[in-house]
Amino acid sequence: MKGRPEPSQSFQRIKVGLIGLIAVVVLIATASTIIASATHERAIGGSAQANLVAEIAASNDMLPETGEPLAEMGVAPSSANVQDAAPPR
């Protein structure tokens, strides 16, 4: 038969459990800090220039809407009929 554990063994088990718990909390806090600082985005060149943004927006408004985004980007040929196109000048 096992007798009652000594008080020193109980105290040591509590100590080991608390040290393990504190170690896990410190590890999680450190990992959280590292991940938060790694995902924090910084502006590389400052803010965007307003006149440049306005020019890009104006040039996009002047493009014809064909409903074919890949053809507008030049990635795929347009499916428009050749007869519909204006003759070259």
PDB file of N, CA and C in Angstrom:
ATOM      1  N   MET A   1       0.817  -1.166   0.000  1.00  0.00           N
ATOM      2  CA  MET A   1       0.000   0.000   0.000  1.00  0.00           C
ATOM      3  C   MET A   1       0.872   1.244   0.000  1.00  0.00           C
ATOM      4  N   LYS A   2       0.370   2.196  -0.756  1.00  0.00           N
ATOM      5  CA  LYS A   2       1.094   3.450  -0.796  1.00  0.00           C
ATOM      6  C   LYS A   2       0.565   4.350   0.302  1.00  0.00           C
ATOM      7  N   GLY A   3       1.488   4.993   0.911  1.00  0.00           N
ATOM      8  CA  GLY A   3       1.097   5.907   1.964  1.00  0.00           C
ATOM      9  C   GLY A   3       0.847   7.301   1.386  1.00  0.00           C
ATOM     10  N   ARG A   4       0.601   8.194   2.230  1.00  0.00           N
ATOM     11  CA  ARG A   4       0.370   9.572   1.852  1.00  0.00           C
ATOM     12  C   ARG A   4       1.664  10.204   1.367  1.00  0.00           C
ATOM     13  N   PRO A   5       1.649  10.981   0.231  1.00  0.00           N
ATOM     14  CA  PRO A   5       2.897  11.587  -0.237  1.00  0.00           C
ATOM     15  C   PRO A   5       3.375  12.648   0.749  1.00  0.00           C
ATOM     16  N   GLU A   6       4.671  12.809   0.755  1.00  0.00           N
ATOM     17  CA  GLU A   6       5.258  13.791   1.658  1.00  0.00           C
ATOM     18  C   GLU A   6       4.913  15.200   1.193  1.00  0.00           C
ATOM     19  N   PRO A   7       4.832  16.143   2.088  1.00  0.00           N
ATOM     20  CA  PRO A   7       4.515  17.518   1.710  1.00  0.00           C
ATOM     21  C   PRO A   7       5.559  18.134   0.778  1.00  0.00           C
ATOM     22  N   SER A   8       6.793  17.709   0.898  1.00  0.00           N
ATOM     23  CA  SER A   8       7.832  18.270   0.024  1.00  0.00           C
ATOM     24  C   SER A   8       7.615  17.842  -1.430  1.00  0.00           C
ATOM     25  N   GLN A   9       7.114  16.621  -1.644  1.00  0.00           N
ATOM     26  CA  GLN A   9       6.832  16.163  -3.007  1.00  0.00           C
ATOM     27  C   GLN A   9       5.673  16.954  -3.605  1.00  0.00           C
ATOM     28  N   SER A  10       4.664  17.217  -2.845  1.00  0.00           N
ATOM     29  CA  SER A  10       3.521  17.999  -3.336  1.00  0.00           C
ATOM     30  C   SER A  10       3.960  19.411  -3.687  1.00  0.00           C
ATOM     31  N   PHE A  11       4.781  19.996  -2.826  1.00  0.00           N
ATOM     32  CA  PHE A  11       5.269  21.346  -3.082  1.00  0.00           C
ATOM     33  C   PHE A  11       6.124  21.377  -4.352  1.00  0.00           C
ATOM     34  N   GLN A  12       6.950  20.356  -4.559  1.00  0.00           N
ATOM     35  CA  GLN A  12       7.797  20.313  -5.748  1.00  0.00           C
ATOM     36  C   GLN A  12       6.951  20.145  -7.012  1.00  0.00           C
ATOM     37  N   ARG A  13       5.899  19.347  -6.946  1.00  0.00           N
ATOM     38  CA  ARG A  13       5.019  19.177  -8.106  1.00  0.00           C
ATOM     39  C   ARG A  13       4.309  20.485  -8.453  1.00  0.00           C
ATOM     40  N   ILE A  14       3.876  21.209  -7.434  1.00  0.00           N
ATOM     41  CA  ILE A  14       3.235  22.509  -7.677  1.00  0.00           C
ATOM     42  C   ILE A  14       4.234  23.470  -8.297  1.00  0.00           C
ATOM     43  N   LYS A  15       5.473  23.476  -7.790  1.00  0.00           N
ATOM     44  CA  LYS A  15       6.517  24.346  -8.320  1.00  0.00           C
ATOM     45  C   LYS A  15       6.798  24.037  -9.794  1.00  0.00           C
ATOM     46  N   VAL A  16       6.931  22.775 -10.125  1.00  0.00           N
ATOM     47  CA  VAL A  16       7.212  22.379 -11.508  1.00  0.00           C
ATOM     48  C   VAL A  16       6.047  22.760 -12.414  1.00  0.00           C
ATOM     49  N   GLY A  17       4.827  22.573 -11.957  1.00  0.00           N
ATOM     50  CA  GLY A  17       3.657  22.936 -12.756  1.00  0.00           C
ATOM     51  C   GLY A  17       3.577  24.431 -13.011  1.00  0.00           C
ATOM     52  N   LEU A  18       3.850  25.232 -11.989  1.00  0.00           N
ATOM     53  CA  LEU A  18       3.814  26.690 -12.153  1.00  0.00           C
ATOM     54  C   LEU A  18       4.934  27.178 -13.067  1.00  0.00           C
ATOM     55  N   ILE A  19       6.115  26.602 -12.932  1.00  0.00           N
ATOM     56  CA  ILE A  19       7.224  26.989 -13.810  1.00  0.00           C
ATOM     57  C   ILE A  19       6.887  26.642 -15.258  1.00  0.00           C
ATOM     58  N   GLY A  20       6.292  25.484 -15.488  1.00  0.00           N
ATOM     59  CA  GLY A  20       5.880  25.101 -16.848  1.00  0.00           C
ATOM     60  C   GLY A  20       4.818  26.034 -17.396  1.00  0.00           C
ATOM     61  N   LEU A  21       3.860  26.403 -16.566  1.00  0.00           N
ATOM     62  CA  LEU A  21       2.802  27.318 -16.984  1.00  0.00           C
ATOM     63  C   LEU A  21       3.373  28.693 -17.335  1.00  0.00           C
ATOM     64  N   ILE A  22       4.266  29.195 -16.514  1.00  0.00           N
ATOM     65  CA  ILE A  22       4.900  30.495 -16.789  1.00  0.00           C
ATOM     66  C   ILE A  22       5.728  30.429 -18.065  1.00  0.00           C
ATOM     67  N   ALA A  23       6.430  29.324 -18.282  1.00  0.00           N
ATOM     68  CA  ALA A  23       7.228  29.180 -19.501  1.00  0.00           C
ATOM     69  C   ALA A  23       6.349  29.201 -20.745  1.00  0.00           C
ATOM     70  N   VAL A  24       5.202  28.554 -20.693  1.00  0.00           N
ATOM     71  CA  VAL A  24       4.284  28.546 -21.839  1.00  0.00           C
ATOM     72  C   VAL A  24       3.732  29.946 -22.099  1.00  0.00           C
ATOM     73  N   VAL A  25       3.367  30.666 -21.049  1.00  0.00           N
ATOM     74  CA  VAL A  25       2.844  32.024 -21.208  1.00  0.00           C
ATOM     75  C   VAL A  25       3.900  32.941 -21.811  1.00  0.00           C
ATOM     76  N   VAL A  26       5.142  32.844 -21.335  1.00  0.00           N
ATOM     77  CA  VAL A  26       6.225  33.668 -21.885  1.00  0.00           C
ATOM     78  C   VAL A  26       6.487  33.314 -23.347  1.00  0.00           C
ATOM     79  N   LEU A  27       6.449  32.042 -23.679  1.00  0.00           N
ATOM     80  CA  LEU A  27       6.664  31.611 -25.058  1.00  0.00           C
ATOM     81  C   LEU A  27       5.579  32.151 -25.980  1.00  0.00           C
ATOM     82  N   ILE A  28       4.332  32.092 -25.549  1.00  0.00           N
ATOM     83  CA  ILE A  28       3.217  32.599 -26.367  1.00  0.00           C
ATOM     84  C   ILE A  28       3.320  34.108 -26.527  1.00  0.00           C
ATOM     85  N   ALA A  29       3.670  34.819 -25.463  1.00  0.00           N
ATOM     86  CA  ALA A  29       3.805  36.278 -25.543  1.00  0.00           C
ATOM     87  C   ALA A  29       4.930  36.669 -26.495  1.00  0.00           C
ATOM     88  N   THR A  30       6.039  35.956 -26.451  1.00  0.00           N
ATOM     89  CA  THR A  30       7.161  36.244 -27.347  1.00  0.00           C
ATOM     90  C   THR A  30       6.782  35.971 -28.797  1.00  0.00           C
ATOM     91  N   ALA A  31       6.148  34.855 -29.059  1.00  0.00           N
ATOM     92  CA  ALA A  31       5.735  34.528 -30.425  1.00  0.00           C
ATOM     93  C   ALA A  31       4.726  35.540 -30.949  1.00  0.00           C
ATOM     94  N   SER A  32       3.817  35.960 -30.106  1.00  0.00           N
ATOM     95  CA  SER A  32       2.822  36.945 -30.516  1.00  0.00           C
ATOM     96  C   SER A  32       3.478  38.277 -30.865  1.00  0.00           C
ATOM     97  N   THR A  33       4.451  38.699 -30.084  1.00  0.00           N
ATOM     98  CA  THR A  33       5.163  39.941 -30.355  1.00  0.00           C
ATOM     99  C   THR A  33       5.931  39.859 -31.664  1.00  0.00           C
ATOM    100  N   ILE A  34       6.589  38.739 -31.906  1.00  0.00           N
ATOM    101  CA  ILE A  34       7.371  38.579 -33.141  1.00  0.00           C
ATOM    102  C   ILE A  34       6.449  38.573 -34.351  1.00  0.00           C
ATOM    103  N   ILE A  35       5.350  37.862 -34.272  1.00  0.00           N
ATOM    104  CA  ILE A  35       4.417  37.798 -35.404  1.00  0.00           C
ATOM    105  C   ILE A  35       3.781  39.155 -35.657  1.00  0.00           C
ATOM    106  N   ALA A  36       3.437  39.876 -34.605  1.00  0.00           N
ATOM    107  CA  ALA A  36       2.823  41.194 -34.771  1.00  0.00           C
ATOM    108  C   ALA A  36       3.797  42.174 -35.417  1.00  0.00           C
ATOM    109  N   SER A  37       5.063  42.121 -35.048  1.00  0.00           N
ATOM    110  CA  SER A  37       6.025  43.040 -35.647  1.00  0.00           C
ATOM    111  C   SER A  37       6.375  42.635 -37.078  1.00  0.00           C
ATOM    112  N   ALA A  38       6.288  41.352 -37.393  1.00  0.00           N
ATOM    113  CA  ALA A  38       6.603  40.898 -38.745  1.00  0.00           C
ATOM    114  C   ALA A  38       5.491  41.240 -39.722  1.00  0.00           C
ATOM    115  N   THR A  39       4.247  41.269 -39.260  1.00  0.00           N
ATOM    116  CA  THR A  39       3.140  41.549 -40.162  1.00  0.00           C
ATOM    117  C   THR A  39       2.787  43.025 -40.233  1.00  0.00           C
ATOM    118  N   HIS A  40       3.446  43.842 -39.443  1.00  0.00           N
ATOM    119  CA  HIS A  40       3.177  45.283 -39.464  1.00  0.00           C
ATOM    120  C   HIS A  40       3.781  45.872 -40.730  1.00  0.00           C
ATOM    121  N   GLU A  41       2.919  46.395 -41.620  1.00  0.00           N
ATOM    122  CA  GLU A  41       3.394  46.952 -42.882  1.00  0.00           C
ATOM    123  C   GLU A  41       3.770  48.407 -42.707  1.00  0.00           C
ATOM    124  N   ARG A  42       4.874  48.777 -43.323  1.00  0.00           N
ATOM    125  CA  ARG A  42       5.339  50.154 -43.265  1.00  0.00           C
ATOM    126  C   ARG A  42       5.289  50.745 -44.661  1.00  0.00           C
ATOM    127  N   ALA A  43       5.045  52.044 -44.739  1.00  0.00           N
ATOM    128  CA  ALA A  43       5.037  52.734 -46.025  1.00  0.00           C
ATOM    129  C   ALA A  43       6.472  52.812 -46.543  1.00  0.00           C
ATOM    130  N   ILE A  44       6.679  52.408 -47.789  1.00  0.00           N
ATOM    131  CA  ILE A  44       8.034  52.375 -48.330  1.00  0.00           C
ATOM    132  C   ILE A  44       8.467  53.749 -48.824  1.00  0.00           C
ATOM    133  N   GLY A  45       7.659  54.373 -49.633  1.00  0.00           N
ATOM    134  CA  GLY A  45       8.078  55.636 -50.210  1.00  0.00           C
ATOM    135  C   GLY A  45       7.215  56.797 -49.778  1.00  0.00           C
ATOM    136  N   GLY A  46       6.597  56.706 -48.670  1.00  0.00           N
ATOM    137  CA  GLY A  46       5.708  57.775 -48.241  1.00  0.00           C
ATOM    138  C   GLY A  46       4.343  57.614 -48.885  1.00  0.00           C
ATOM    139  N   SER A  47       3.597  58.693 -48.949  1.00  0.00           N
ATOM    140  CA  SER A  47       2.251  58.618 -49.517  1.00  0.00           C
ATOM    141  C   SER A  47       2.314  58.781 -51.033  1.00  0.00           C
ATOM    142  N   ALA A  48       1.254  58.382 -51.693  1.00  0.00           N
ATOM    143  CA  ALA A  48       1.184  58.477 -53.151  1.00  0.00           C
ATOM    144  C   ALA A  48       1.019  59.933 -53.569  1.00  0.00           C
ATOM    145  N   GLN A  49       1.594  60.266 -54.703  1.00  0.00           N
ATOM    146  CA  GLN A  49       1.475  61.632 -55.202  1.00  0.00           C
ATOM    147  C   GLN A  49       0.103  61.798 -55.837  1.00  0.00           C
ATOM    148  N   ALA A  50      -0.585  62.860 -55.457  1.00  0.00           N
ATOM    149  CA  ALA A  50      -1.964  63.059 -55.887  1.00  0.00           C
ATOM    150  C   ALA A  50      -2.059  63.251 -57.398  1.00  0.00           C
ATOM    151  N   ASN A  51      -1.121  63.985 -57.988  1.00  0.00           N
ATOM    152  CA  ASN A  51      -1.216  64.228 -59.429  1.00  0.00           C
ATOM    153  C   ASN A  51      -0.979  62.942 -60.230  1.00  0.00           C
ATOM    154  N   LEU A  52      -0.107  62.064 -59.750  1.00  0.00           N
ATOM    155  CA  LEU A  52       0.148  60.803 -60.442  1.00  0.00           C
ATOM    156  C   LEU A  52      -1.085  59.910 -60.382  1.00  0.00           C
ATOM    157  N   VAL A  53      -1.721  59.864 -59.230  1.00  0.00           N
ATOM    158  CA  VAL A  53      -2.935  59.057 -59.076  1.00  0.00           C
ATOM    159  C   VAL A  53      -4.041  59.603 -59.972  1.00  0.00           C
ATOM    160  N   ALA A  54      -4.158  60.918 -60.069  1.00  0.00           N
ATOM    161  CA  ALA A  54      -5.191  61.527 -60.908  1.00  0.00           C
ATOM    162  C   ALA A  54      -4.943  61.216 -62.383  1.00  0.00           C
ATOM    163  N   GLU A  55      -3.681  61.248 -62.818  1.00  0.00           N
ATOM    164  CA  GLU A  55      -3.359  60.925 -64.217  1.00  0.00           C
ATOM    165  C   GLU A  55      -3.703  59.476 -64.540  1.00  0.00           C
ATOM    166  N   ILE A  56      -3.383  58.571 -63.639  1.00  0.00           N
ATOM    167  CA  ILE A  56      -3.680  57.152 -63.878  1.00  0.00           C
ATOM    168  C   ILE A  56      -5.190  56.937 -63.948  1.00  0.00           C
ATOM    169  N   ALA A  57      -5.920  57.573 -63.049  1.00  0.00           N
ATOM    170  CA  ALA A  57      -7.378  57.428 -63.057  1.00  0.00           C
ATOM    171  C   ALA A  57      -7.978  58.007 -64.330  1.00  0.00           C
ATOM    172  N   ALA A  58      -7.451  59.140 -64.803  1.00  0.00           N
ATOM    173  CA  ALA A  58      -7.971  59.756 -66.021  1.00  0.00           C
ATOM    174  C   ALA A  58      -7.663  58.892 -67.239  1.00  0.00           C
ATOM    175  N   SER A  59      -6.480  58.297 -67.294  1.00  0.00           N
ATOM    176  CA  SER A  59      -6.140  57.448 -68.443  1.00  0.00           C
ATOM    177  C   SER A  59      -6.980  56.179 -68.442  1.00  0.00           C
ATOM    178  N   ASN A  60      -7.345  55.677 -67.271  1.00  0.00           N
ATOM    179  CA  ASN A  60      -8.199  54.497 -67.205  1.00  0.00           C
ATOM    180  C   ASN A  60      -9.620  54.806 -67.654  1.00  0.00           C
ATOM    181  N   ASP A  61     -10.085  56.024 -67.412  1.00  0.00           N
ATOM    182  CA  ASP A  61     -11.431  56.412 -67.829  1.00  0.00           C
ATOM    183  C   ASP A  61     -11.534  56.539 -69.343  1.00  0.00           C
ATOM    184  N   MET A  62     -10.426  56.837 -70.032  1.00  0.00           N
ATOM    185  CA  MET A  62     -10.455  57.044 -71.477  1.00  0.00           C
ATOM    186  C   MET A  62     -10.430  55.730 -72.245  1.00  0.00           C
ATOM    187  N   LEU A  63     -10.095  54.614 -71.578  1.00  0.00           N
ATOM    188  CA  LEU A  63     -10.048  53.329 -72.267  1.00  0.00           C
ATOM    189  C   LEU A  63     -11.466  52.847 -72.567  1.00  0.00           C
ATOM    190  N   PRO A  64     -11.669  52.244 -73.749  1.00  0.00           N
ATOM    191  CA  PRO A  64     -13.006  51.726 -74.058  1.00  0.00           C
ATOM    192  C   PRO A  64     -13.291  50.473 -73.244  1.00  0.00           C
ATOM    193  N   GLU A  65     -14.519  50.344 -72.839  1.00  0.00           N
ATOM    194  CA  GLU A  65     -14.948  49.162 -72.091  1.00  0.00           C
ATOM    195  C   GLU A  65     -15.432  48.108 -73.074  1.00  0.00           C
ATOM    196  N   THR A  66     -14.684  47.043 -73.227  1.00  0.00           N
ATOM    197  CA  THR A  66     -15.079  45.981 -74.154  1.00  0.00           C
ATOM    198  C   THR A  66     -15.686  44.799 -73.407  1.00  0.00           C
ATOM    199  N   GLY A  67     -15.552  44.787 -72.105  1.00  0.00           N
ATOM    200  CA  GLY A  67     -16.060  43.656 -71.345  1.00  0.00           C
ATOM    201  C   GLY A  67     -15.100  42.479 -71.367  1.00  0.00           C
ATOM    202  N   GLU A  68     -13.912  42.694 -71.892  1.00  0.00           N
ATOM    203  CA  GLU A  68     -12.903  41.650 -71.939  1.00  0.00           C
ATOM    204  C   GLU A  68     -11.658  42.147 -71.213  1.00  0.00           C
ATOM    205  N   PRO A  69     -11.553  41.889 -69.925  1.00  0.00           N
ATOM    206  CA  PRO A  69     -10.429  42.425 -69.176  1.00  0.00           C
ATOM    207  C   PRO A  69      -9.080  41.875 -69.632  1.00  0.00           C
ATOM    208  N   LEU A  70      -9.018  40.618 -70.052  1.00  0.00           N
ATOM    209  CA  LEU A  70      -7.739  40.068 -70.504  1.00  0.00           C
ATOM    210  C   LEU A  70      -7.299  40.716 -71.809  1.00  0.00           C
ATOM    211  N   ALA A  71      -8.242  41.009 -72.701  1.00  0.00           N
ATOM    212  CA  ALA A  71      -7.900  41.673 -73.957  1.00  0.00           C
ATOM    213  C   ALA A  71      -7.469  43.113 -73.689  1.00  0.00           C
ATOM    214  N   GLU A  72      -8.094  43.772 -72.718  1.00  0.00           N
ATOM    215  CA  GLU A  72      -7.706  45.138 -72.390  1.00  0.00           C
ATOM    216  C   GLU A  72      -6.294  45.200 -71.829  1.00  0.00           C
ATOM    217  N   MET A  73      -5.892  44.175 -71.092  1.00  0.00           N
ATOM    218  CA  MET A  73      -4.535  44.148 -70.546  1.00  0.00           C
ATOM    219  C   MET A  73      -3.520  43.701 -71.589  1.00  0.00           C
ATOM    220  N   GLY A  74      -3.980  43.146 -72.691  1.00  0.00           N
ATOM    221  CA  GLY A  74      -3.071  42.675 -73.724  1.00  0.00           C
ATOM    222  C   GLY A  74      -2.600  41.260 -73.507  1.00  0.00           C
ATOM    223  N   VAL A  75      -3.268  40.517 -72.634  1.00  0.00           N
ATOM    224  CA  VAL A  75      -2.865  39.151 -72.339  1.00  0.00           C
ATOM    225  C   VAL A  75      -3.457  38.176 -73.344  1.00  0.00           C
ATOM    226  N   ALA A  76      -4.680  38.447 -73.796  1.00  0.00           N
ATOM    227  CA  ALA A  76      -5.359  37.558 -74.721  1.00  0.00           C
ATOM    228  C   ALA A  76      -5.894  38.393 -75.887  1.00  0.00           C
ATOM    229  N   PRO A  77      -6.007  37.791 -77.056  1.00  0.00           N
ATOM    230  CA  PRO A  77      -6.559  38.549 -78.182  1.00  0.00           C
ATOM    231  C   PRO A  77      -8.030  38.848 -77.981  1.00  0.00           C
ATOM    232  N   SER A  78      -8.463  39.927 -78.588  1.00  0.00           N
ATOM    233  CA  SER A  78      -9.858  40.323 -78.487  1.00  0.00           C
ATOM    234  C   SER A  78     -10.705  39.419 -79.357  1.00  0.00           C
ATOM    235  N   SER A  79     -11.933  39.173 -78.939  1.00  0.00           N
ATOM    236  CA  SER A  79     -12.825  38.333 -79.726  1.00  0.00           C
ATOM    237  C   SER A  79     -13.735  39.173 -80.617  1.00  0.00           C
ATOM    238  N   ALA A  80     -13.479  40.480 -80.698  1.00  0.00           N
ATOM    239  CA  ALA A  80     -14.287  41.347 -81.553  1.00  0.00           C
ATOM    240  C   ALA A  80     -14.020  41.010 -83.017  1.00  0.00           C
ATOM    241  N   ASN A  81     -15.043  41.153 -83.846  1.00  0.00           N
ATOM    242  CA  ASN A  81     -14.887  40.872 -85.272  1.00  0.00           C
ATOM    243  C   ASN A  81     -13.928  41.869 -85.895  1.00  0.00           C
ATOM    244  N   VAL A  82     -13.191  41.413 -86.865  1.00  0.00           N
ATOM    245  CA  VAL A  82     -12.242  42.284 -87.554  1.00  0.00           C
ATOM    246  C   VAL A  82     -13.006  43.329 -88.358  1.00  0.00           C
ATOM    247  N   GLN A  83     -14.200  43.013 -88.837  1.00  0.00           N
ATOM    248  CA  GLN A  83     -14.990  43.952 -89.629  1.00  0.00           C
ATOM    249  C   GLN A  83     -15.490  45.127 -88.775  1.00  0.00           C
ATOM    250  N   ASP A  84     -15.673  44.904 -87.468  1.00  0.00           N
ATOM    251  CA  ASP A  84     -16.165  45.948 -86.581  1.00  0.00           C
ATOM    252  C   ASP A  84     -15.092  46.994 -86.296  1.00  0.00           C
ATOM    253  N   ALA A  85     -13.841  46.642 -86.443  1.00  0.00           N
ATOM    254  CA  ALA A  85     -12.759  47.559 -86.128  1.00  0.00           C
ATOM    255  C   ALA A  85     -12.678  48.668 -87.169  1.00  0.00           C
ATOM    256  N   ALA A  86     -12.249  49.818 -86.737  1.00  0.00           N
ATOM    257  CA  ALA A  86     -12.102  50.950 -87.664  1.00  0.00           C
ATOM    258  C   ALA A  86     -10.893  50.707 -88.551  1.00  0.00           C
ATOM    259  N   PRO A  87     -10.986  51.131 -89.822  1.00  0.00           N
ATOM    260  CA  PRO A  87      -9.837  50.932 -90.723  1.00  0.00           C
ATOM    261  C   PRO A  87      -8.671  51.815 -90.294  1.00  0.00           C
ATOM    262  N   PRO A  88      -7.437  51.367 -90.497  1.00  0.00           N
ATOM    263  CA  PRO A  88      -6.265  52.170 -90.120  1.00  0.00           C
ATOM    264  C   PRO A  88      -6.173  53.422 -90.995  1.00  0.00           C
ATOM    265  N   ARG A  89      -5.674  54.486 -90.457  1.00  0.00           N
ATOM    266  CA  ARG A  89      -5.554  55.757 -91.193  1.00  0.00           C
ATOM    267  C   ARG A  89      -4.180  55.974 -91.702  1.00  0.00           C
TER     268      ARG A  89
END
